[in-house]
Amino acid sequence: MKDKRREDAWTDNHDVTLAQTVISHIKNGSTQLAAFEDSASKLNRTAAACGFRWNKELRHQYETEINDAKFFRMKRKQQKRDIHAAIPVLPTLDDEPIMPKYEDAFRQIIKIAKDQAQKFEQLMHENSKLKLEIDELRSQKETVNIVRSNEDVATEDLQTFLKIMNRARNLTSLNLNV
């Protein structure tokens, strides 16, 4: 009997790609979930499959590389903190210290956030209006269906009544002829 091999079995190249991607994400301060999404697109698999493979089969093989990546990330964060500590902080009119280069950027970010919050509120209001309209249309549809059903019953009753009347007329004309 031949050895059966799954068409979608993990290859060594897939394992290496997955491991490199996860370690790269750890090194750059990203999450493993993002790494699984990234790997999934590279390997034409689901993120869940990549996460399962990583946690079940590969993680323990790459402990050293994971620790190195975490150490690298920690060193980079420390360097960034050291750089930001070296930037002079100037007082503003409110005597709140703000880094001079970032003050306009902060204002723009706050303005954008406020605009987005306002748009979100508008969309939520519009969404609730549309939900009410959908409910009203459903109610109208049910009413129309009931009316149509009643019309169908009335039409059927009328046809039955006309048949009865025609039979009665035929019976009466037969009785008169006798």
N, C-alpha and C. Protein backbone atom coordinates (compact mmCIF):
# COMPACT_ATOMS: atom_id res chain seq x y z
N MET A 1 0.84 -1.18 0.00
CA MET A 1 0.00 0.00 0.00
C MET A 1 0.88 1.24 0.00
N LYS A 2 0.54 2.21 -0.84
CA LYS A 2 1.33 3.43 -0.95
C LYS A 2 1.14 4.32 0.28
N ASP A 3 2.18 5.06 0.61
CA ASP A 3 2.05 6.06 1.68
C ASP A 3 1.24 7.23 1.14
N LYS A 4 0.20 7.56 1.85
CA LYS A 4 -0.62 8.69 1.43
C LYS A 4 -0.08 9.95 2.08
N ARG A 5 0.05 10.99 1.29
CA ARG A 5 0.52 12.28 1.80
C ARG A 5 -0.51 13.33 1.42
N ARG A 6 -0.87 14.12 2.39
CA ARG A 6 -1.87 15.17 2.14
C ARG A 6 -1.31 16.17 1.15
N GLU A 7 -2.20 16.69 0.31
CA GLU A 7 -1.77 17.70 -0.66
C GLU A 7 -1.39 19.00 0.04
N ASP A 8 -2.04 19.28 1.16
CA ASP A 8 -1.78 20.54 1.86
C ASP A 8 -0.88 20.36 3.08
N ALA A 9 -0.09 19.31 3.09
CA ALA A 9 0.80 19.05 4.23
C ALA A 9 1.83 20.17 4.34
N TRP A 10 2.27 20.40 5.57
CA TRP A 10 3.28 21.44 5.81
C TRP A 10 4.64 20.92 5.34
N THR A 11 5.34 21.75 4.58
CA THR A 11 6.69 21.40 4.14
C THR A 11 7.68 22.13 5.03
N ASP A 12 8.94 21.74 4.90
CA ASP A 12 9.99 22.43 5.66
C ASP A 12 10.05 23.90 5.28
N ASN A 13 9.87 24.19 3.99
CA ASN A 13 9.90 25.59 3.54
C ASN A 13 8.75 26.39 4.17
N HIS A 14 7.59 25.76 4.27
CA HIS A 14 6.46 26.44 4.92
C HIS A 14 6.77 26.71 6.39
N ASP A 15 7.35 25.73 7.06
CA ASP A 15 7.70 25.90 8.48
C ASP A 15 8.71 27.04 8.65
N VAL A 16 9.70 27.09 7.79
CA VAL A 16 10.72 28.13 7.89
C VAL A 16 10.10 29.50 7.63
N THR A 17 9.24 29.59 6.62
CA THR A 17 8.58 30.87 6.32
C THR A 17 7.74 31.33 7.50
N LEU A 18 6.98 30.40 8.06
CA LEU A 18 6.16 30.72 9.22
C LEU A 18 7.02 31.19 10.40
N ALA A 19 8.07 30.45 10.69
CA ALA A 19 8.95 30.79 11.81
C ALA A 19 9.61 32.15 11.60
N GLN A 20 10.12 32.39 10.41
CA GLN A 20 10.78 33.67 10.13
C GLN A 20 9.80 34.83 10.26
N THR A 21 8.59 34.63 9.78
CA THR A 21 7.59 35.70 9.85
C THR A 21 7.22 36.00 11.30
N VAL A 22 6.98 34.96 12.09
CA VAL A 22 6.61 35.17 13.49
C VAL A 22 7.75 35.84 14.25
N ILE A 23 8.95 35.38 14.06
CA ILE A 23 10.10 35.96 14.77
C ILE A 23 10.32 37.41 14.35
N SER A 24 10.12 37.68 13.06
CA SER A 24 10.25 39.06 12.58
C SER A 24 9.21 39.97 13.23
N HIS A 25 8.00 39.47 13.36
CA HIS A 25 6.95 40.27 14.00
C HIS A 25 7.27 40.49 15.48
N ILE A 26 7.76 39.48 16.14
CA ILE A 26 8.13 39.63 17.56
C ILE A 26 9.24 40.68 17.67
N LYS A 27 10.22 40.58 16.79
CA LYS A 27 11.37 41.49 16.81
C LYS A 27 10.94 42.93 16.60
N ASN A 28 9.93 43.13 15.73
CA ASN A 28 9.51 44.49 15.40
C ASN A 28 8.39 45.01 16.29
N GLY A 29 8.04 44.23 17.31
CA GLY A 29 7.05 44.71 18.27
C GLY A 29 5.62 44.46 17.85
N SER A 30 5.42 43.65 16.84
CA SER A 30 4.07 43.32 16.38
C SER A 30 3.56 42.10 17.15
N THR A 31 2.31 41.76 16.93
CA THR A 31 1.72 40.63 17.63
C THR A 31 1.87 39.34 16.83
N GLN A 32 1.74 38.23 17.52
CA GLN A 32 1.78 36.94 16.83
C GLN A 32 0.56 36.79 15.94
N LEU A 33 -0.58 37.35 16.34
CA LEU A 33 -1.77 37.27 15.50
C LEU A 33 -1.53 37.93 14.15
N ALA A 34 -0.85 39.09 14.17
CA ALA A 34 -0.51 39.76 12.92
C ALA A 34 0.45 38.90 12.11
N ALA A 35 1.37 38.22 12.80
CA ALA A 35 2.31 37.33 12.12
C ALA A 35 1.57 36.17 11.47
N PHE A 36 0.57 35.63 12.14
CA PHE A 36 -0.19 34.52 11.57
C PHE A 36 -0.97 34.98 10.34
N GLU A 37 -1.53 36.20 10.40
CA GLU A 37 -2.23 36.75 9.23
C GLU A 37 -1.26 36.92 8.06
N ASP A 38 -0.11 37.47 8.36
CA ASP A 38 0.92 37.69 7.34
C ASP A 38 1.36 36.35 6.74
N SER A 39 1.61 35.38 7.58
CA SER A 39 2.03 34.05 7.13
C SER A 39 0.94 33.39 6.30
N ALA A 40 -0.29 33.57 6.74
CA ALA A 40 -1.42 32.95 6.02
C ALA A 40 -1.47 33.44 4.58
N SER A 41 -1.26 34.74 4.38
CA SER A 41 -1.30 35.25 3.01
C SER A 41 -0.11 34.76 2.20
N LYS A 42 1.04 34.60 2.84
CA LYS A 42 2.22 34.10 2.13
C LYS A 42 2.08 32.63 1.76
N LEU A 43 1.46 31.85 2.65
CA LEU A 43 1.43 30.39 2.49
C LEU A 43 0.10 29.87 1.94
N ASN A 44 -0.82 30.79 1.68
CA ASN A 44 -2.14 30.41 1.17
C ASN A 44 -2.83 29.44 2.14
N ARG A 45 -2.82 29.82 3.41
CA ARG A 45 -3.47 29.05 4.47
C ARG A 45 -4.25 30.03 5.34
N THR A 46 -4.98 29.50 6.28
CA THR A 46 -5.70 30.38 7.20
C THR A 46 -4.77 30.80 8.34
N ALA A 47 -5.10 31.93 8.94
CA ALA A 47 -4.32 32.40 10.09
C ALA A 47 -4.42 31.39 11.24
N ALA A 48 -5.59 30.78 11.37
CA ALA A 48 -5.78 29.79 12.43
C ALA A 48 -4.85 28.58 12.22
N ALA A 49 -4.73 28.15 10.96
CA ALA A 49 -3.84 27.02 10.66
C ALA A 49 -2.39 27.38 10.99
N CYS A 50 -2.00 28.60 10.64
CA CYS A 50 -0.63 29.04 10.93
C CYS A 50 -0.41 29.12 12.44
N GLY A 51 -1.38 29.65 13.16
CA GLY A 51 -1.25 29.75 14.61
C GLY A 51 -1.17 28.38 15.26
N PHE A 52 -1.99 27.45 14.79
CA PHE A 52 -1.96 26.10 15.34
C PHE A 52 -0.61 25.45 15.08
N ARG A 53 -0.12 25.57 13.84
CA ARG A 53 1.16 24.95 13.49
C ARG A 53 2.27 25.54 14.35
N TRP A 54 2.27 26.86 14.50
CA TRP A 54 3.30 27.53 15.28
C TRP A 54 3.26 27.06 16.74
N ASN A 55 2.11 27.11 17.35
CA ASN A 55 2.00 26.78 18.77
C ASN A 55 2.17 25.29 19.05
N LYS A 56 1.72 24.45 18.14
CA LYS A 56 1.75 23.01 18.37
C LYS A 56 3.09 22.39 17.99
N GLU A 57 3.68 22.82 16.88
CA GLU A 57 4.84 22.12 16.33
C GLU A 57 6.16 22.91 16.36
N LEU A 58 6.10 24.22 16.10
CA LEU A 58 7.34 24.96 15.83
C LEU A 58 7.87 25.79 16.99
N ARG A 59 7.00 26.30 17.81
CA ARG A 59 7.40 27.27 18.84
C ARG A 59 8.57 26.76 19.69
N HIS A 60 8.47 25.53 20.15
CA HIS A 60 9.51 25.00 21.04
C HIS A 60 10.85 24.83 20.31
N GLN A 61 10.82 24.70 18.99
CA GLN A 61 12.07 24.55 18.22
C GLN A 61 12.81 25.88 18.07
N TYR A 62 12.08 26.99 18.26
CA TYR A 62 12.66 28.30 18.02
C TYR A 62 12.75 29.15 19.28
N GLU A 63 12.84 28.52 20.44
CA GLU A 63 12.88 29.26 21.70
C GLU A 63 14.04 30.26 21.74
N THR A 64 15.20 29.84 21.28
CA THR A 64 16.37 30.73 21.30
C THR A 64 16.14 31.95 20.42
N GLU A 65 15.63 31.72 19.20
CA GLU A 65 15.37 32.84 18.29
C GLU A 65 14.29 33.76 18.84
N ILE A 66 13.29 33.20 19.49
CA ILE A 66 12.23 34.01 20.09
C ILE A 66 12.81 34.90 21.18
N ASN A 67 13.62 34.31 22.04
CA ASN A 67 14.24 35.09 23.12
C ASN A 67 15.15 36.17 22.56
N ASP A 68 15.91 35.85 21.50
CA ASP A 68 16.77 36.85 20.86
C ASP A 68 15.93 38.00 20.29
N ALA A 69 14.80 37.65 19.65
CA ALA A 69 13.93 38.67 19.07
C ALA A 69 13.34 39.56 20.16
N LYS A 70 12.93 38.96 21.28
CA LYS A 70 12.38 39.75 22.39
C LYS A 70 13.45 40.67 22.98
N PHE A 71 14.67 40.15 23.08
CA PHE A 71 15.77 40.96 23.60
C PHE A 71 16.05 42.13 22.65
N PHE A 72 16.07 41.86 21.34
CA PHE A 72 16.29 42.90 20.34
C PHE A 72 15.20 43.98 20.45
N ARG A 73 13.94 43.54 20.58
CA ARG A 73 12.83 44.48 20.70
C ARG A 73 12.99 45.35 21.94
N MET A 74 13.37 44.72 23.06
CA MET A 74 13.56 45.45 24.30
C MET A 74 14.67 46.50 24.16
N LYS A 75 15.77 46.11 23.52
CA LYS A 75 16.90 47.05 23.32
C LYS A 75 16.46 48.23 22.46
N ARG A 76 15.69 47.93 21.39
CA ARG A 76 15.24 48.99 20.50
C ARG A 76 14.32 49.96 21.24
N LYS A 77 13.42 49.44 22.08
CA LYS A 77 12.54 50.30 22.86
C LYS A 77 13.34 51.20 23.79
N GLN A 78 14.36 50.60 24.41
CA GLN A 78 15.20 51.37 25.32
C GLN A 78 15.93 52.49 24.57
N GLN A 79 16.41 52.18 23.37
CA GLN A 79 17.09 53.20 22.56
C GLN A 79 16.12 54.33 22.21
N LYS A 80 14.89 53.98 21.87
CA LYS A 80 13.91 55.01 21.54
C LYS A 80 13.62 55.88 22.75
N ARG A 81 13.51 55.26 23.93
CA ARG A 81 13.29 56.03 25.15
C ARG A 81 14.45 56.99 25.40
N ASP A 82 15.67 56.49 25.19
CA ASP A 82 16.85 57.33 25.40
C ASP A 82 16.86 58.50 24.44
N ILE A 83 16.46 58.26 23.18
CA ILE A 83 16.42 59.34 22.18
C ILE A 83 15.38 60.37 22.58
N HIS A 84 14.17 59.91 22.97
CA HIS A 84 13.11 60.84 23.35
C HIS A 84 13.47 61.61 24.62
N ALA A 85 14.23 61.00 25.49
CA ALA A 85 14.64 61.70 26.70
C ALA A 85 15.63 62.81 26.37
N ALA A 86 16.36 62.66 25.27
CA ALA A 86 17.35 63.66 24.88
C ALA A 86 16.73 64.85 24.17
N ILE A 87 15.51 64.73 23.66
CA ILE A 87 14.86 65.84 22.95
C ILE A 87 14.42 66.87 23.98
N PRO A 88 14.78 68.14 23.76
CA PRO A 88 14.40 69.16 24.73
C PRO A 88 12.89 69.40 24.71
N VAL A 89 12.35 69.61 25.87
CA VAL A 89 10.92 69.85 26.02
C VAL A 89 10.73 71.32 26.35
N LEU A 90 9.90 71.98 25.53
CA LEU A 90 9.65 73.40 25.72
C LEU A 90 8.28 73.60 26.34
N PRO A 91 8.13 74.55 27.23
CA PRO A 91 6.82 74.80 27.81
C PRO A 91 5.90 75.47 26.79
N THR A 92 4.61 75.22 26.88
CA THR A 92 3.63 75.87 26.01
C THR A 92 3.04 77.03 26.78
N LEU A 93 2.04 77.65 26.19
CA LEU A 93 1.40 78.77 26.87
C LEU A 93 0.74 78.33 28.18
N ASP A 94 0.32 77.08 28.21
CA ASP A 94 -0.34 76.56 29.41
C ASP A 94 0.67 76.00 30.41
N ASP A 95 1.95 76.18 30.14
CA ASP A 95 3.03 75.64 30.95
C ASP A 95 3.03 74.11 31.00
N GLU A 96 2.43 73.49 29.97
CA GLU A 96 2.50 72.05 29.85
C GLU A 96 3.62 71.73 28.86
N PRO A 97 4.56 70.90 29.26
CA PRO A 97 5.66 70.61 28.35
C PRO A 97 5.20 69.74 27.17
N ILE A 98 5.58 70.17 25.98
CA ILE A 98 5.31 69.42 24.75
C ILE A 98 6.54 69.51 23.86
N MET A 99 6.84 68.42 23.20
CA MET A 99 7.98 68.44 22.29
C MET A 99 7.65 69.36 21.12
N PRO A 100 8.57 70.27 20.76
CA PRO A 100 8.25 71.31 19.79
C PRO A 100 7.84 70.77 18.41
N LYS A 101 8.45 69.76 17.92
CA LYS A 101 8.16 69.27 16.57
C LYS A 101 6.79 68.59 16.50
N TYR A 102 6.30 68.11 17.61
CA TYR A 102 5.11 67.29 17.59
C TYR A 102 3.83 68.04 17.96
N GLU A 103 3.95 69.29 18.37
CA GLU A 103 2.77 70.02 18.82
C GLU A 103 1.71 70.13 17.71
N ASP A 104 2.13 70.52 16.51
CA ASP A 104 1.17 70.62 15.39
C ASP A 104 0.62 69.25 15.02
N ALA A 105 1.46 68.25 15.07
CA ALA A 105 1.00 66.90 14.74
C ALA A 105 -0.06 66.45 15.74
N PHE A 106 0.17 66.74 17.02
CA PHE A 106 -0.81 66.38 18.04
C PHE A 106 -2.14 67.09 17.79
N ARG A 107 -2.07 68.36 17.45
CA ARG A 107 -3.30 69.12 17.18
C ARG A 107 -4.04 68.52 15.99
N GLN A 108 -3.30 68.17 14.94
CA GLN A 108 -3.94 67.57 13.76
C GLN A 108 -4.57 66.22 14.10
N ILE A 109 -3.88 65.44 14.89
CA ILE A 109 -4.41 64.14 15.28
C ILE A 109 -5.69 64.32 16.10
N ILE A 110 -5.68 65.27 17.01
CA ILE A 110 -6.87 65.53 17.82
C ILE A 110 -8.02 66.00 16.95
N LYS A 111 -7.72 66.89 16.00
CA LYS A 111 -8.77 67.37 15.08
C LYS A 111 -9.34 66.22 14.26
N ILE A 112 -8.47 65.37 13.74
CA ILE A 112 -8.93 64.22 12.95
C ILE A 112 -9.76 63.29 13.81
N ALA A 113 -9.32 63.06 15.04
CA ALA A 113 -10.07 62.18 15.93
C ALA A 113 -11.46 62.76 16.23
N LYS A 114 -11.54 64.06 16.45
CA LYS A 114 -12.84 64.68 16.69
C LYS A 114 -13.74 64.56 15.47
N ASP A 115 -13.16 64.81 14.27
CA ASP A 115 -13.94 64.68 13.03
C ASP A 115 -14.45 63.26 12.85
N GLN A 116 -13.58 62.29 13.13
CA GLN A 116 -13.98 60.89 12.98
C GLN A 116 -15.06 60.53 13.99
N ALA A 117 -14.95 61.05 15.20
CA ALA A 117 -15.97 60.78 16.21
C ALA A 117 -17.31 61.37 15.79
N GLN A 118 -17.28 62.57 15.21
CA GLN A 118 -18.51 63.20 14.74
C GLN A 118 -19.11 62.39 13.59
N LYS A 119 -18.28 61.94 12.65
CA LYS A 119 -18.77 61.11 11.54
C LYS A 119 -19.34 59.81 12.07
N PHE A 120 -18.69 59.24 13.07
CA PHE A 120 -19.17 58.00 13.66
C PHE A 120 -20.56 58.21 14.26
N GLU A 121 -20.74 59.30 14.99
CA GLU A 121 -22.04 59.60 15.59
C GLU A 121 -23.10 59.77 14.51
N GLN A 122 -22.75 60.46 13.42
CA GLN A 122 -23.70 60.64 12.33
C GLN A 122 -24.08 59.28 11.72
N LEU A 123 -23.09 58.44 11.52
CA LEU A 123 -23.36 57.13 10.95
C LEU A 123 -24.22 56.28 11.88
N MET A 124 -23.95 56.36 13.17
CA MET A 124 -24.76 55.61 14.14
C MET A 124 -26.22 56.10 14.12
N HIS A 125 -26.39 57.43 14.03
CA HIS A 125 -27.74 57.99 13.96
C HIS A 125 -28.44 57.53 12.69
N GLU A 126 -27.74 57.59 11.57
CA GLU A 126 -28.30 57.15 10.29
C GLU A 126 -28.62 55.65 10.34
N ASN A 127 -27.74 54.89 10.97
CA ASN A 127 -27.96 53.45 11.10
C ASN A 127 -29.23 53.16 11.89
N SER A 128 -29.44 53.89 12.98
CA SER A 128 -30.65 53.66 13.78
C SER A 128 -31.89 54.06 12.99
N LYS A 129 -31.81 55.14 12.21
CA LYS A 129 -32.94 55.53 11.36
C LYS A 129 -33.26 54.43 10.36
N LEU A 130 -32.21 53.89 9.74
CA LEU A 130 -32.41 52.84 8.74
C LEU A 130 -32.99 51.58 9.37
N LYS A 131 -32.56 51.25 10.58
CA LYS A 131 -33.14 50.09 11.27
C LYS A 131 -34.63 50.29 11.53
N LEU A 132 -35.00 51.50 11.95
CA LEU A 132 -36.42 51.80 12.15
C LEU A 132 -37.20 51.69 10.85
N GLU A 133 -36.61 52.20 9.78
CA GLU A 133 -37.25 52.13 8.47
C GLU A 133 -37.41 50.68 8.01
N ILE A 134 -36.40 49.86 8.27
CA ILE A 134 -36.48 48.43 7.92
C ILE A 134 -37.60 47.77 8.70
N ASP A 135 -37.70 48.07 10.00
CA ASP A 135 -38.77 47.49 10.81
C ASP A 135 -40.14 47.92 10.29
N GLU A 136 -40.26 49.19 9.92
CA GLU A 136 -41.53 49.69 9.39
C GLU A 136 -41.88 49.00 8.08
N LEU A 137 -40.89 48.84 7.21
CA LEU A 137 -41.13 48.16 5.93
C LEU A 137 -41.52 46.69 6.14
N ARG A 138 -40.89 46.04 7.10
CA ARG A 138 -41.27 44.66 7.40
C ARG A 138 -42.71 44.59 7.88
N SER A 139 -43.07 45.53 8.72
CA SER A 139 -44.44 45.57 9.23
C SER A 139 -45.42 45.80 8.08
N GLN A 140 -45.09 46.71 7.18
CA GLN A 140 -45.95 46.97 6.03
C GLN A 140 -46.04 45.74 5.14
N LYS A 141 -44.94 45.04 4.98
CA LYS A 141 -44.93 43.83 4.16
C LYS A 141 -45.86 42.78 4.77
N GLU A 142 -45.78 42.61 6.08
CA GLU A 142 -46.66 41.66 6.76
C GLU A 142 -48.12 42.04 6.57
N THR A 143 -48.42 43.35 6.66
CA THR A 143 -49.79 43.82 6.47
C THR A 143 -50.25 43.52 5.05
N VAL A 144 -49.40 43.79 4.08
CA VAL A 144 -49.73 43.52 2.68
C VAL A 144 -49.96 42.03 2.48
N ASN A 145 -49.12 41.19 3.08
CA ASN A 145 -49.28 39.75 2.95
C ASN A 145 -50.61 39.29 3.56
N ILE A 146 -50.98 39.86 4.69
CA ILE A 146 -52.26 39.52 5.32
C ILE A 146 -53.42 39.94 4.43
N VAL A 147 -53.34 41.17 3.88
CA VAL A 147 -54.40 41.66 2.99
C VAL A 147 -54.49 40.77 1.76
N ARG A 148 -53.35 40.42 1.18
CA ARG A 148 -53.35 39.54 0.00
C ARG A 148 -53.96 38.18 0.35
N SER A 149 -53.62 37.67 1.51
CA SER A 149 -54.17 36.40 1.94
C SER A 149 -55.69 36.51 2.11
N ASN A 150 -56.14 37.61 2.70
CA ASN A 150 -57.58 37.84 2.86
C ASN A 150 -58.26 37.97 1.50
N GLU A 151 -57.60 38.67 0.56
CA GLU A 151 -58.15 38.81 -0.79
C GLU A 151 -58.25 37.46 -1.48
N ASP A 152 -57.21 36.63 -1.29
CA ASP A 152 -57.24 35.30 -1.89
C ASP A 152 -58.39 34.48 -1.32
N VAL A 153 -58.61 34.55 -0.03
CA VAL A 153 -59.71 33.82 0.61
C VAL A 153 -61.04 34.35 0.10
N ALA A 154 -61.15 35.69 0.00
CA ALA A 154 -62.41 36.30 -0.48
C ALA A 154 -62.67 35.89 -1.93
N THR A 155 -61.65 35.88 -2.77
CA THR A 155 -61.80 35.48 -4.16
C THR A 155 -62.24 34.02 -4.25
N GLU A 156 -61.60 33.19 -3.45
CA GLU A 156 -61.96 31.77 -3.43
C GLU A 156 -63.40 31.59 -2.95
N ASP A 157 -63.81 32.32 -1.92
CA ASP A 157 -65.18 32.24 -1.41
C ASP A 157 -66.17 32.71 -2.47
N LEU A 158 -65.84 33.78 -3.20
CA LEU A 158 -66.71 34.29 -4.25
C LEU A 158 -66.87 33.26 -5.37
N GLN A 159 -65.77 32.64 -5.77
CA GLN A 159 -65.84 31.63 -6.82
C GLN A 159 -66.68 30.44 -6.36
N THR A 160 -66.52 30.04 -5.13
CA THR A 160 -67.34 28.94 -4.58
C THR A 160 -68.81 29.34 -4.56
N PHE A 161 -69.10 30.56 -4.15
CA PHE A 161 -70.48 31.06 -4.12
C PHE A 161 -71.08 31.07 -5.51
N LEU A 162 -70.31 31.53 -6.51
CA LEU A 162 -70.81 31.57 -7.89
C LEU A 162 -71.07 30.16 -8.42
N LYS A 163 -70.24 29.21 -8.07
CA LYS A 163 -70.46 27.82 -8.48
C LYS A 163 -71.75 27.29 -7.87
N ILE A 164 -71.96 27.60 -6.58
CA ILE A 164 -73.18 27.16 -5.90
C ILE A 164 -74.40 27.78 -6.57
N MET A 165 -74.32 29.07 -6.88
CA MET A 165 -75.44 29.78 -7.53
C MET A 165 -75.72 29.18 -8.91
N ASN A 166 -74.66 28.87 -9.66
CA ASN A 166 -74.84 28.26 -10.99
C ASN A 166 -75.50 26.89 -10.86
N ARG A 167 -75.10 26.10 -9.87
CA ARG A 167 -75.73 24.79 -9.66
C ARG A 167 -77.21 24.96 -9.29
N ALA A 168 -77.47 25.94 -8.43
CA ALA A 168 -78.85 26.18 -8.02
C ALA A 168 -79.68 26.61 -9.22
N ARG A 169 -79.15 27.47 -10.06
CA ARG A 169 -79.86 27.93 -11.25
C ARG A 169 -80.12 26.75 -12.18
N ASN A 170 -79.09 25.88 -12.34
CA ASN A 170 -79.24 24.72 -13.21
C ASN A 170 -80.30 23.76 -12.64
N LEU A 171 -80.29 23.57 -11.33
CA LEU A 171 -81.28 22.70 -10.72
C LEU A 171 -82.69 23.28 -10.84
N THR A 172 -82.78 24.59 -10.68
CA THR A 172 -84.08 25.24 -10.79
C THR A 172 -84.61 25.13 -12.21
N SER A 173 -83.77 25.33 -13.19
CA SER A 173 -84.22 25.24 -14.58
C SER A 173 -84.56 23.81 -14.94
N LEU A 174 -83.91 22.82 -14.35
CA LEU A 174 -84.25 21.42 -14.59
C LEU A 174 -85.61 21.09 -13.97
N ASN A 175 -85.85 21.63 -12.77
CA ASN A 175 -87.11 21.39 -12.07
C ASN A 175 -88.28 22.03 -12.81
N LEU A 176 -88.05 23.17 -13.41
CA LEU A 176 -89.10 23.89 -14.15
C LEU A 176 -89.43 23.14 -15.45
N ASN A 177 -88.45 22.53 -16.03
CA ASN A 177 -88.65 21.81 -17.28
C ASN A 177 -89.36 20.47 -17.06
N VAL A 178 -89.38 19.99 -15.91
CA VAL A 178 -89.97 18.67 -15.68
C VAL A 178 -91.43 18.73 -15.60
